[in-house]
Amino acid sequence: MRTDKEIILDIENIIEKQIQPSVAMHGGVVSLHSYNDGVAIMFMSGACSGCASSAYTLKMGIENLLTYHIAEVK
């Protein structure tokens, strides 16, 4: 069983390498706020704030990537 620290490092790696580059092209910033018991709480800021597509980006992009690559994320 992996530790929360290992899972958090994996989440941050996916954000840095796969999520942030495409979000940054639109002026947005995505970061991990916290992780606990399979739940990753994300911060979306910059152009993401108030953007109509941010909910879609979170659900269909970020959530799908994290749950696909990290089995512990629910």
PDB file of N, CA and C in Angstrom:
ATOM      1  N   MET A   1       0.843  -1.189   0.000  1.00  0.00           N
ATOM      2  CA  MET A   1       0.000   0.000   0.000  1.00  0.00           C
ATOM      3  C   MET A   1       0.888   1.254   0.000  1.00  0.00           C
ATOM      4  N   ARG A   2       0.525   2.203  -0.858  1.00  0.00           N
ATOM      5  CA  ARG A   2       1.323   3.421  -0.983  1.00  0.00           C
ATOM      6  C   ARG A   2       0.923   4.449   0.061  1.00  0.00           C
ATOM      7  N   THR A   3       1.875   5.288   0.402  1.00  0.00           N
ATOM      8  CA  THR A   3       1.597   6.346   1.373  1.00  0.00           C
ATOM      9  C   THR A   3       0.920   7.528   0.673  1.00  0.00           C
ATOM     10  N   ASP A   4       0.257   8.381   1.472  1.00  0.00           N
ATOM     11  CA  ASP A   4      -0.347   9.590   0.915  1.00  0.00           C
ATOM     12  C   ASP A   4       0.704  10.460   0.245  1.00  0.00           C
ATOM     13  N   LYS A   5       1.900  10.510   0.823  1.00  0.00           N
ATOM     14  CA  LYS A   5       2.974  11.329   0.249  1.00  0.00           C
ATOM     15  C   LYS A   5       3.320  10.852  -1.164  1.00  0.00           C
ATOM     16  N   GLU A   6       3.384   9.541  -1.371  1.00  0.00           N
ATOM     17  CA  GLU A   6       3.678   8.996  -2.704  1.00  0.00           C
ATOM     18  C   GLU A   6       2.556   9.331  -3.684  1.00  0.00           C
ATOM     19  N   ILE A   7       1.321   9.220  -3.232  1.00  0.00           N
ATOM     20  CA  ILE A   7       0.172   9.528  -4.090  1.00  0.00           C
ATOM     21  C   ILE A   7       0.157  11.006  -4.447  1.00  0.00           C
ATOM     22  N   ILE A   8       0.410  11.862  -3.469  1.00  0.00           N
ATOM     23  CA  ILE A   8       0.451  13.306  -3.714  1.00  0.00           C
ATOM     24  C   ILE A   8       1.535  13.652  -4.728  1.00  0.00           C
ATOM     25  N   LEU A   9       2.694  13.028  -4.627  1.00  0.00           N
ATOM     26  CA  LEU A   9       3.768  13.268  -5.604  1.00  0.00           C
ATOM     27  C   LEU A   9       3.328  12.861  -7.010  1.00  0.00           C
ATOM     28  N   ASP A  10       2.616  11.743  -7.120  1.00  0.00           N
ATOM     29  CA  ASP A  10       2.106  11.312  -8.427  1.00  0.00           C
ATOM     30  C   ASP A  10       1.077  12.303  -8.971  1.00  0.00           C
ATOM     31  N   ILE A  11       0.179  12.776  -8.113  1.00  0.00           N
ATOM     32  CA  ILE A  11      -0.826  13.758  -8.537  1.00  0.00           C
ATOM     33  C   ILE A  11      -0.141  15.032  -9.021  1.00  0.00           C
ATOM     34  N   GLU A  12       0.810  15.525  -8.250  1.00  0.00           N
ATOM     35  CA  GLU A  12       1.514  16.757  -8.629  1.00  0.00           C
ATOM     36  C   GLU A  12       2.297  16.578  -9.922  1.00  0.00           C
ATOM     37  N   ASN A  13       2.841  15.405 -10.143  1.00  0.00           N
ATOM     38  CA  ASN A  13       3.568  15.118 -11.384  1.00  0.00           C
ATOM     39  C   ASN A  13       2.618  15.154 -12.591  1.00  0.00           C
ATOM     40  N   ILE A  14       1.453  14.565 -12.456  1.00  0.00           N
ATOM     41  CA  ILE A  14       0.477  14.586 -13.553  1.00  0.00           C
ATOM     42  C   ILE A  14       0.010  16.012 -13.822  1.00  0.00           C
ATOM     43  N   ILE A  15      -0.220  16.775 -12.759  1.00  0.00           N
ATOM     44  CA  ILE A  15      -0.616  18.179 -12.945  1.00  0.00           C
ATOM     45  C   ILE A  15       0.463  18.925 -13.712  1.00  0.00           C
ATOM     46  N   GLU A  16       1.700  18.786 -13.261  1.00  0.00           N
ATOM     47  CA  GLU A  16       2.821  19.523 -13.866  1.00  0.00           C
ATOM     48  C   GLU A  16       3.067  19.136 -15.321  1.00  0.00           C
ATOM     49  N   LYS A  17       3.005  17.860 -15.624  1.00  0.00           N
ATOM     50  CA  LYS A  17       3.393  17.396 -16.959  1.00  0.00           C
ATOM     51  C   LYS A  17       2.248  17.280 -17.955  1.00  0.00           C
ATOM     52  N   GLN A  18       1.042  16.988 -17.482  1.00  0.00           N
ATOM     53  CA  GLN A  18      -0.049  16.718 -18.418  1.00  0.00           C
ATOM     54  C   GLN A  18      -1.181  17.739 -18.375  1.00  0.00           C
ATOM     55  N   ILE A  19      -1.438  18.304 -17.208  1.00  0.00           N
ATOM     56  CA  ILE A  19      -2.592  19.195 -17.083  1.00  0.00           C
ATOM     57  C   ILE A  19      -2.201  20.657 -17.233  1.00  0.00           C
ATOM     58  N   GLN A  20      -1.237  21.115 -16.451  1.00  0.00           N
ATOM     59  CA  GLN A  20      -0.890  22.531 -16.412  1.00  0.00           C
ATOM     60  C   GLN A  20      -0.459  23.102 -17.762  1.00  0.00           C
ATOM     61  N   PRO A  21       0.329  22.377 -18.573  1.00  0.00           N
ATOM     62  CA  PRO A  21       0.722  22.985 -19.860  1.00  0.00           C
ATOM     63  C   PRO A  21      -0.463  23.395 -20.738  1.00  0.00           C
ATOM     64  N   SER A  22      -1.491  22.548 -20.820  1.00  0.00           N
ATOM     65  CA  SER A  22      -2.623  22.914 -21.675  1.00  0.00           C
ATOM     66  C   SER A  22      -3.507  23.969 -21.023  1.00  0.00           C
ATOM     67  N   VAL A  23      -3.665  23.925 -19.708  1.00  0.00           N
ATOM     68  CA  VAL A  23      -4.458  24.936 -19.011  1.00  0.00           C
ATOM     69  C   VAL A  23      -3.750  26.292 -19.085  1.00  0.00           C
ATOM     70  N   ALA A  24      -2.429  26.287 -18.976  1.00  0.00           N
ATOM     71  CA  ALA A  24      -1.657  27.532 -19.017  1.00  0.00           C
ATOM     72  C   ALA A  24      -1.781  28.239 -20.366  1.00  0.00           C
ATOM     73  N   MET A  25      -1.976  27.488 -21.442  1.00  0.00           N
ATOM     74  CA  MET A  25      -2.137  28.108 -22.764  1.00  0.00           C
ATOM     75  C   MET A  25      -3.356  29.022 -22.801  1.00  0.00           C
ATOM     76  N   HIS A  26      -4.294  28.789 -21.890  1.00  0.00           N
ATOM     77  CA  HIS A  26      -5.506  29.608 -21.820  1.00  0.00           C
ATOM     78  C   HIS A  26      -5.471  30.551 -20.627  1.00  0.00           C
ATOM     79  N   GLY A  27      -4.309  30.660 -19.985  1.00  0.00           N
ATOM     80  CA  GLY A  27      -4.147  31.585 -18.872  1.00  0.00           C
ATOM     81  C   GLY A  27      -4.587  31.045 -17.520  1.00  0.00           C
ATOM     82  N   GLY A  28      -4.805  29.740 -17.432  1.00  0.00           N
ATOM     83  CA  GLY A  28      -5.272  29.148 -16.181  1.00  0.00           C
ATOM     84  C   GLY A  28      -4.157  28.489 -15.391  1.00  0.00           C
ATOM     85  N   VAL A  29      -4.457  28.219 -14.133  1.00  0.00           N
ATOM     86  CA  VAL A  29      -3.523  27.549 -13.233  1.00  0.00           C
ATOM     87  C   VAL A  29      -4.304  26.484 -12.466  1.00  0.00           C
ATOM     88  N   VAL A  30      -3.750  25.277 -12.409  1.00  0.00           N
ATOM     89  CA  VAL A  30      -4.353  24.187 -11.648  1.00  0.00           C
ATOM     90  C   VAL A  30      -3.324  23.691 -10.648  1.00  0.00           C
ATOM     91  N   SER A  31      -3.759  23.499  -9.390  1.00  0.00           N
ATOM     92  CA  SER A  31      -2.855  22.972  -8.378  1.00  0.00           C
ATOM     93  C   SER A  31      -3.636  22.091  -7.411  1.00  0.00           C
ATOM     94  N   LEU A  32      -2.922  21.236  -6.747  1.00  0.00           N
ATOM     95  CA  LEU A  32      -3.517  20.361  -5.748  1.00  0.00           C
ATOM     96  C   LEU A  32      -3.619  21.112  -4.429  1.00  0.00           C
ATOM     97  N   HIS A  33      -4.811  21.192  -3.883  1.00  0.00           N
ATOM     98  CA  HIS A  33      -5.005  21.822  -2.573  1.00  0.00           C
ATOM     99  C   HIS A  33      -4.754  20.802  -1.468  1.00  0.00           C
ATOM    100  N   SER A  34      -5.371  19.623  -1.606  1.00  0.00           N
ATOM    101  CA  SER A  34      -5.179  18.587  -0.592  1.00  0.00           C
ATOM    102  C   SER A  34      -5.564  17.225  -1.151  1.00  0.00           C
ATOM    103  N   TYR A  35      -5.082  16.204  -0.495  1.00  0.00           N
ATOM    104  CA  TYR A  35      -5.453  14.825  -0.813  1.00  0.00           C
ATOM    105  C   TYR A  35      -5.695  14.099   0.497  1.00  0.00           C
ATOM    106  N   ASN A  36      -6.839  13.410   0.573  1.00  0.00           N
ATOM    107  CA  ASN A  36      -7.159  12.646   1.774  1.00  0.00           C
ATOM    108  C   ASN A  36      -8.150  11.537   1.425  1.00  0.00           C
ATOM    109  N   ASP A  37      -7.798  10.313   1.752  1.00  0.00           N
ATOM    110  CA  ASP A  37      -8.698   9.169   1.614  1.00  0.00           C
ATOM    111  C   ASP A  37      -9.303   9.050   0.219  1.00  0.00           C
ATOM    112  N   GLY A  38      -8.460   9.187  -0.805  1.00  0.00           N
ATOM    113  CA  GLY A  38      -8.908   9.006  -2.178  1.00  0.00           C
ATOM    114  C   GLY A  38      -9.494  10.231  -2.843  1.00  0.00           C
ATOM    115  N   VAL A  39      -9.579  11.331  -2.116  1.00  0.00           N
ATOM    116  CA  VAL A  39     -10.174  12.549  -2.671  1.00  0.00           C
ATOM    117  C   VAL A  39      -9.101  13.619  -2.847  1.00  0.00           C
ATOM    118  N   ALA A  40      -8.946  14.067  -4.085  1.00  0.00           N
ATOM    119  CA  ALA A  40      -8.008  15.148  -4.400  1.00  0.00           C
ATOM    120  C   ALA A  40      -8.811  16.431  -4.588  1.00  0.00           C
ATOM    121  N   ILE A  41      -8.505  17.432  -3.782  1.00  0.00           N
ATOM    122  CA  ILE A  41      -9.157  18.744  -3.904  1.00  0.00           C
ATOM    123  C   ILE A  41      -8.231  19.639  -4.718  1.00  0.00           C
ATOM    124  N   MET A  42      -8.768  20.190  -5.798  1.00  0.00           N
ATOM    125  CA  MET A  42      -7.971  20.985  -6.718  1.00  0.00           C
ATOM    126  C   MET A  42      -8.319  22.461  -6.602  1.00  0.00           C
ATOM    127  N   PHE A  43      -7.327  23.321  -6.833  1.00  0.00           N
ATOM    128  CA  PHE A  43      -7.533  24.756  -6.994  1.00  0.00           C
ATOM    129  C   PHE A  43      -7.410  25.066  -8.476  1.00  0.00           C
ATOM    130  N   MET A  44      -8.346  25.835  -8.985  1.00  0.00           N
ATOM    131  CA  MET A  44      -8.269  26.326 -10.363  1.00  0.00           C
ATOM    132  C   MET A  44      -8.328  27.846 -10.266  1.00  0.00           C
ATOM    133  N   SER A  45      -7.294  28.504 -10.791  1.00  0.00           N
ATOM    134  CA  SER A  45      -7.234  29.956 -10.689  1.00  0.00           C
ATOM    135  C   SER A  45      -6.773  30.554 -12.009  1.00  0.00           C
ATOM    136  N   GLY A  46      -6.488  31.830 -11.986  1.00  0.00           N
ATOM    137  CA  GLY A  46      -6.135  32.523 -13.222  1.00  0.00           C
ATOM    138  C   GLY A  46      -7.367  32.625 -14.096  1.00  0.00           C
ATOM    139  N   ALA A  47      -7.218  32.357 -15.372  1.00  0.00           N
ATOM    140  CA  ALA A  47      -8.339  32.451 -16.304  1.00  0.00           C
ATOM    141  C   ALA A  47      -9.411  31.401 -16.017  1.00  0.00           C
ATOM    142  N   CYS A  48      -9.076  30.372 -15.230  1.00  0.00           N
ATOM    143  CA  CYS A  48     -10.062  29.347 -14.862  1.00  0.00           C
ATOM    144  C   CYS A  48     -11.170  29.916 -13.984  1.00  0.00           C
ATOM    145  N   SER A  49     -10.837  30.936 -13.196  1.00  0.00           N
ATOM    146  CA  SER A  49     -11.834  31.548 -12.319  1.00  0.00           C
ATOM    147  C   SER A  49     -12.929  32.189 -13.153  1.00  0.00           C
ATOM    148  N   GLY A  50     -14.123  31.738 -12.969  1.00  0.00           N
ATOM    149  CA  GLY A  50     -15.251  32.304 -13.697  1.00  0.00           C
ATOM    150  C   GLY A  50     -15.416  31.795 -15.116  1.00  0.00           C
ATOM    151  N   CYS A  51     -14.541  30.933 -15.567  1.00  0.00           N
ATOM    152  CA  CYS A  51     -14.644  30.394 -16.923  1.00  0.00           C
ATOM    153  C   CYS A  51     -15.754  29.348 -16.975  1.00  0.00           C
ATOM    154  N   ALA A  52     -16.602  29.440 -17.958  1.00  0.00           N
ATOM    155  CA  ALA A  52     -17.714  28.503 -18.096  1.00  0.00           C
ATOM    156  C   ALA A  52     -17.230  27.079 -18.345  1.00  0.00           C
ATOM    157  N   SER A  53     -16.056  26.926 -18.899  1.00  0.00           N
ATOM    158  CA  SER A  53     -15.530  25.592 -19.206  1.00  0.00           C
ATOM    159  C   SER A  53     -14.761  24.963 -18.050  1.00  0.00           C
ATOM    160  N   SER A  54     -14.564  25.671 -16.954  1.00  0.00           N
ATOM    161  CA  SER A  54     -13.733  25.137 -15.872  1.00  0.00           C
ATOM    162  C   SER A  54     -14.337  23.887 -15.231  1.00  0.00           C
ATOM    163  N   ALA A  55     -15.646  23.822 -15.092  1.00  0.00           N
ATOM    164  CA  ALA A  55     -16.280  22.625 -14.523  1.00  0.00           C
ATOM    165  C   ALA A  55     -16.069  21.430 -15.444  1.00  0.00           C
ATOM    166  N   TYR A  56     -16.185  21.652 -16.747  1.00  0.00           N
ATOM    167  CA  TYR A  56     -15.952  20.584 -17.719  1.00  0.00           C
ATOM    168  C   TYR A  56     -14.483  20.146 -17.688  1.00  0.00           C
ATOM    169  N   THR A  57     -13.573  21.091 -17.627  1.00  0.00           N
ATOM    170  CA  THR A  57     -12.146  20.778 -17.549  1.00  0.00           C
ATOM    171  C   THR A  57     -11.849  19.956 -16.306  1.00  0.00           C
ATOM    172  N   LEU A  58     -12.449  20.325 -15.197  1.00  0.00           N
ATOM    173  CA  LEU A  58     -12.229  19.599 -13.952  1.00  0.00           C
ATOM    174  C   LEU A  58     -12.778  18.177 -14.036  1.00  0.00           C
ATOM    175  N   LYS A  59     -14.002  18.020 -14.471  1.00  0.00           N
ATOM    176  CA  LYS A  59     -14.657  16.714 -14.487  1.00  0.00           C
ATOM    177  C   LYS A  59     -14.107  15.812 -15.587  1.00  0.00           C
ATOM    178  N   MET A  60     -14.091  16.283 -16.808  1.00  0.00           N
ATOM    179  CA  MET A  60     -13.732  15.437 -17.950  1.00  0.00           C
ATOM    180  C   MET A  60     -12.229  15.373 -18.203  1.00  0.00           C
ATOM    181  N   GLY A  61     -11.493  16.358 -17.760  1.00  0.00           N
ATOM    182  CA  GLY A  61     -10.061  16.362 -17.993  1.00  0.00           C
ATOM    183  C   GLY A  61      -9.274  15.915 -16.775  1.00  0.00           C
ATOM    184  N   ILE A  62      -9.283  16.726 -15.744  1.00  0.00           N
ATOM    185  CA  ILE A  62      -8.456  16.484 -14.564  1.00  0.00           C
ATOM    186  C   ILE A  62      -8.896  15.227 -13.828  1.00  0.00           C
ATOM    187  N   GLU A  63     -10.177  15.118 -13.533  1.00  0.00           N
ATOM    188  CA  GLU A  63     -10.664  13.947 -12.793  1.00  0.00           C
ATOM    189  C   GLU A  63     -10.398  12.654 -13.563  1.00  0.00           C
ATOM    190  N   ASN A  64     -10.677  12.658 -14.851  1.00  0.00           N
ATOM    191  CA  ASN A  64     -10.440  11.452 -15.650  1.00  0.00           C
ATOM    192  C   ASN A  64      -8.968  11.058 -15.676  1.00  0.00           C
ATOM    193  N   LEU A  65      -8.086  12.020 -15.832  1.00  0.00           N
ATOM    194  CA  LEU A  65      -6.648  11.725 -15.845  1.00  0.00           C
ATOM    195  C   LEU A  65      -6.181  11.151 -14.513  1.00  0.00           C
ATOM    196  N   LEU A  66      -6.592  11.780 -13.430  1.00  0.00           N
ATOM    197  CA  LEU A  66      -6.133  11.322 -12.114  1.00  0.00           C
ATOM    198  C   LEU A  66      -6.672   9.944 -11.777  1.00  0.00           C
ATOM    199  N   THR A  67      -7.957   9.695 -12.032  1.00  0.00           N
ATOM    200  CA  THR A  67      -8.508   8.381 -11.691  1.00  0.00           C
ATOM    201  C   THR A  67      -7.969   7.294 -12.607  1.00  0.00           C
ATOM    202  N   TYR A  68      -7.616   7.635 -13.826  1.00  0.00           N
ATOM    203  CA  TYR A  68      -7.054   6.645 -14.755  1.00  0.00           C
ATOM    204  C   TYR A  68      -5.635   6.249 -14.352  1.00  0.00           C
ATOM    205  N   HIS A  69      -4.820   7.242 -14.004  1.00  0.00           N
ATOM    206  CA  HIS A  69      -3.406   6.986 -13.728  1.00  0.00           C
ATOM    207  C   HIS A  69      -3.089   6.639 -12.278  1.00  0.00           C
ATOM    208  N   ILE A  70      -3.972   7.015 -11.355  1.00  0.00           N
ATOM    209  CA  ILE A  70      -3.690   6.801  -9.938  1.00  0.00           C
ATOM    210  C   ILE A  70      -4.877   6.049  -9.331  1.00  0.00           C
ATOM    211  N   ALA A  71      -4.691   4.776  -9.095  1.00  0.00           N
ATOM    212  CA  ALA A  71      -5.779   3.912  -8.632  1.00  0.00           C
ATOM    213  C   ALA A  71      -6.380   4.376  -7.310  1.00  0.00           C
ATOM    214  N   GLU A  72      -5.594   5.025  -6.471  1.00  0.00           N
ATOM    215  CA  GLU A  72      -6.083   5.450  -5.163  1.00  0.00           C
ATOM    216  C   GLU A  72      -7.047   6.636  -5.220  1.00  0.00           C
ATOM    217  N   VAL A  73      -7.008   7.392  -6.305  1.00  0.00           N
ATOM    218  CA  VAL A  73      -7.887   8.562  -6.430  1.00  0.00           C
ATOM    219  C   VAL A  73      -9.266   8.089  -6.883  1.00  0.00           C
ATOM    220  N   LYS A  74     -10.251   8.459  -6.077  1.00  0.00           N
ATOM    221  CA  LYS A  74     -11.639   8.071  -6.362  1.00  0.00           C
ATOM    222  C   LYS A  74     -12.351   9.157  -7.126  1.00  0.00           C
TER     223      LYS A  74
END
